[in-house]
Amino acid sequence: MTLVSSKRRLKKGTAEGAESTGMMLTSLMDIFIVLVLYLLVNQSDGVTIEPPFRVVLPDSGVDTMPRPSIMVVLSDQDVKIQGESVVSMAEVKASSQPEIEAIRLAIVRVKTEAEQKKDQAGVATEVTIVADRHVPYKVLKKVMLSSSNAGYGKISFAVNQK
């Protein structure tokens, strides 16, 4: 008898025009939220470095992704720090000093400006050198010493990944 009465109740509930529940979207929304969060977290692992037009990067088999840092670009014409030309390459090559004062001062200036703006990319004690593959080691050594004397002991080189 109870079985019959429950069937009657089911028929009665649908016959009276009660709304059906339809499709349950809760689990579908949960899946989409998890997917969106996963894509947001795993969107990018590093910084994309685009070398200037005249700079041809050397090839390397590195696995480390670039981090936010101060960019020092060495081309065949000049030395740029954060996109601003600091000194010509001819002056760097002709200098007999182990350190290039203009580069050190420019890096210190970038660091103080970043501290005032509270920009973490400039405050970090890391420099990334984006150098053409034909830049002599003598020039690289001068730039590295200038960066180190400006308080940036961690120096990275941008390369093409094989």
Protein backbone atom coordinates (compact mmCIF):
# COMPACT_ATOMS: atom_id res chain seq x y z
CA MET A 1 0.00 0.00 0.00
CA THR A 2 2.81 2.38 0.71
CA LEU A 3 4.25 1.75 -2.72
CA VAL A 4 1.00 2.67 -4.37
CA SER A 5 0.58 5.81 -2.30
CA SER A 6 4.08 7.06 -3.16
CA LYS A 7 3.34 6.54 -6.84
CA ARG A 8 0.16 8.54 -6.46
CA ARG A 9 2.06 11.32 -4.74
CA LEU A 10 4.57 11.46 -7.60
CA LYS A 11 1.78 11.61 -10.15
CA LYS A 12 -0.07 14.16 -8.09
CA GLY A 13 3.00 16.42 -7.74
CA THR A 14 3.66 16.51 -11.47
CA ALA A 15 0.02 16.81 -12.35
CA GLU A 16 -0.48 19.89 -10.20
CA GLY A 17 2.00 21.84 -12.28
CA ALA A 18 4.96 21.69 -9.91
CA GLU A 19 8.14 22.82 -11.60
CA SER A 20 10.72 20.23 -12.49
CA THR A 21 14.21 20.85 -11.23
CA GLY A 22 15.80 20.83 -14.67
CA MET A 23 19.54 20.54 -15.15
CA MET A 24 21.83 20.84 -12.12
CA LEU A 25 24.57 23.32 -12.96
CA THR A 26 26.43 23.28 -9.66
CA SER A 27 28.94 20.58 -10.55
CA LEU A 28 29.44 22.05 -14.03
CA MET A 29 30.21 25.48 -12.54
CA ASP A 30 32.66 23.90 -10.09
CA ILE A 31 34.55 22.31 -12.97
CA PHE A 32 34.76 25.62 -14.84
CA ILE A 33 35.97 27.48 -11.75
CA VAL A 34 38.72 24.91 -11.17
CA LEU A 35 39.73 25.14 -14.85
CA VAL A 36 39.88 28.94 -14.78
CA LEU A 37 41.93 28.96 -11.57
CA TYR A 38 44.36 26.39 -13.01
CA LEU A 39 44.85 28.46 -16.17
CA LEU A 40 45.38 31.66 -14.20
CA VAL A 41 47.99 30.11 -11.93
CA ASN A 42 49.88 28.37 -14.74
CA GLN A 43 49.61 31.18 -17.26
CA SER A 44 53.26 32.24 -17.28
CA ASP A 45 56.43 30.98 -15.65
CA GLY A 46 58.80 33.77 -16.57
CA VAL A 47 59.48 36.99 -18.35
CA THR A 48 59.57 37.15 -22.13
CA ILE A 49 62.70 38.88 -23.37
CA GLU A 50 62.57 40.25 -26.90
CA PRO A 51 66.06 41.16 -28.14
CA PRO A 52 66.42 44.41 -30.08
CA PHE A 53 66.61 44.36 -33.86
CA ARG A 54 70.42 44.36 -34.15
CA VAL A 55 71.12 41.93 -31.29
CA VAL A 56 71.58 38.25 -32.19
CA LEU A 57 71.56 36.14 -29.02
CA PRO A 58 73.83 33.13 -28.59
CA ASP A 59 72.28 29.66 -28.47
CA SER A 60 72.25 27.59 -25.30
CA GLY A 61 70.54 24.55 -23.84
CA VAL A 62 69.36 26.21 -20.61
CA ASP A 63 66.14 25.32 -18.81
CA THR A 64 65.91 28.34 -16.50
CA MET A 65 63.24 30.88 -17.35
CA PRO A 66 64.08 34.60 -17.10
CA ARG A 67 63.07 36.51 -13.98
CA PRO A 68 62.14 40.19 -13.60
CA SER A 69 65.36 42.19 -13.46
CA ILE A 70 67.20 45.19 -14.86
CA MET A 71 67.92 44.74 -18.58
CA VAL A 72 71.34 45.72 -19.93
CA VAL A 73 71.38 45.47 -23.74
CA LEU A 74 74.73 45.34 -25.54
CA SER A 75 74.55 45.88 -29.29
CA ASP A 76 77.27 46.67 -31.79
CA GLN A 77 76.48 50.40 -31.44
CA ASP A 78 75.71 51.15 -27.80
CA VAL A 79 74.87 49.96 -24.28
CA LYS A 80 71.26 50.44 -23.15
CA ILE A 81 69.94 50.05 -19.64
CA GLN A 82 66.16 49.62 -19.35
CA GLY A 83 65.88 50.87 -22.95
CA GLU A 84 67.87 54.07 -22.42
CA SER A 85 71.19 54.50 -24.24
CA VAL A 86 73.98 55.05 -21.70
CA VAL A 87 77.29 54.84 -23.55
CA SER A 88 78.49 53.95 -27.05
CA MET A 89 80.12 50.59 -27.68
CA ALA A 90 83.18 52.34 -29.16
CA GLU A 91 83.74 54.14 -25.84
CA VAL A 92 83.43 50.90 -23.89
CA LYS A 93 85.91 49.12 -26.16
CA ALA A 94 88.36 52.04 -26.08
CA SER A 95 88.28 52.42 -22.30
CA SER A 96 91.30 51.10 -20.43
CA GLN A 97 89.40 51.12 -17.10
CA PRO A 98 88.06 47.78 -15.83
CA GLU A 99 84.76 49.45 -14.89
CA ILE A 100 82.55 51.72 -16.99
CA GLU A 101 81.41 54.53 -14.70
CA ALA A 102 78.43 55.53 -16.88
CA ILE A 103 76.98 52.01 -16.69
CA ARG A 104 77.42 51.80 -12.92
CA LEU A 105 75.80 55.21 -12.38
CA ALA A 106 72.88 54.35 -14.67
CA ILE A 107 72.21 51.10 -12.81
CA VAL A 108 72.34 52.90 -9.45
CA ARG A 109 69.92 55.52 -10.82
CA VAL A 110 67.50 52.80 -12.00
CA LYS A 111 67.68 51.17 -8.58
CA THR A 112 66.92 54.40 -6.70
CA GLU A 113 64.03 55.22 -9.05
CA ALA A 114 62.62 51.71 -8.53
CA GLU A 115 62.90 52.08 -4.75
CA GLN A 116 60.97 55.35 -4.93
CA LYS A 117 58.26 53.75 -7.09
CA LYS A 118 58.36 50.51 -5.07
CA ASP A 119 58.92 48.54 -8.29
CA GLN A 120 60.14 45.05 -7.36
CA ALA A 121 61.76 44.37 -10.76
CA GLY A 122 64.22 47.21 -10.24
CA VAL A 123 64.79 46.70 -6.54
CA ALA A 124 65.79 43.05 -6.99
CA THR A 125 69.55 42.64 -7.06
CA GLU A 126 69.68 40.96 -10.44
CA VAL A 127 70.81 42.13 -13.86
CA THR A 128 70.06 40.38 -17.14
CA ILE A 129 72.56 41.07 -19.91
CA VAL A 130 71.12 40.84 -23.42
CA ALA A 131 74.27 40.79 -25.53
CA ASP A 132 74.90 40.20 -29.20
CA ARG A 133 76.85 36.99 -29.79
CA HIS A 134 79.72 38.99 -31.34
CA VAL A 135 80.30 41.25 -28.31
CA PRO A 136 83.85 40.58 -27.06
CA TYR A 137 84.39 39.06 -23.62
CA LYS A 138 86.45 42.12 -22.63
CA VAL A 139 83.30 44.26 -22.95
CA LEU A 140 81.16 41.72 -21.08
CA LYS A 141 83.68 41.66 -18.26
CA LYS A 142 83.53 45.47 -17.93
CA VAL A 143 79.72 45.44 -17.87
CA MET A 144 79.63 42.64 -15.29
CA LEU A 145 82.11 44.49 -13.03
CA SER A 146 80.12 47.73 -13.36
CA SER A 147 76.90 45.89 -12.46
CA SER A 148 78.54 44.18 -9.51
CA ASN A 149 79.96 47.46 -8.20
CA ALA A 150 76.48 49.01 -8.44
CA GLY A 151 75.22 46.38 -5.98
CA TYR A 152 73.87 43.83 -8.45
CA GLY A 153 75.82 40.66 -7.76
CA LYS A 154 73.48 38.25 -9.54
CA ILE A 155 74.04 38.47 -13.29
CA SER A 156 72.17 36.46 -15.91
CA PHE A 157 72.62 36.27 -19.68
CA ALA A 158 69.75 36.12 -22.16
CA VAL A 159 70.20 33.34 -24.74
CA ASN A 160 68.18 31.55 -27.37
CA GLN A 161 66.92 28.24 -26.04
CA LYS A 162 67.82 25.27 -28.25
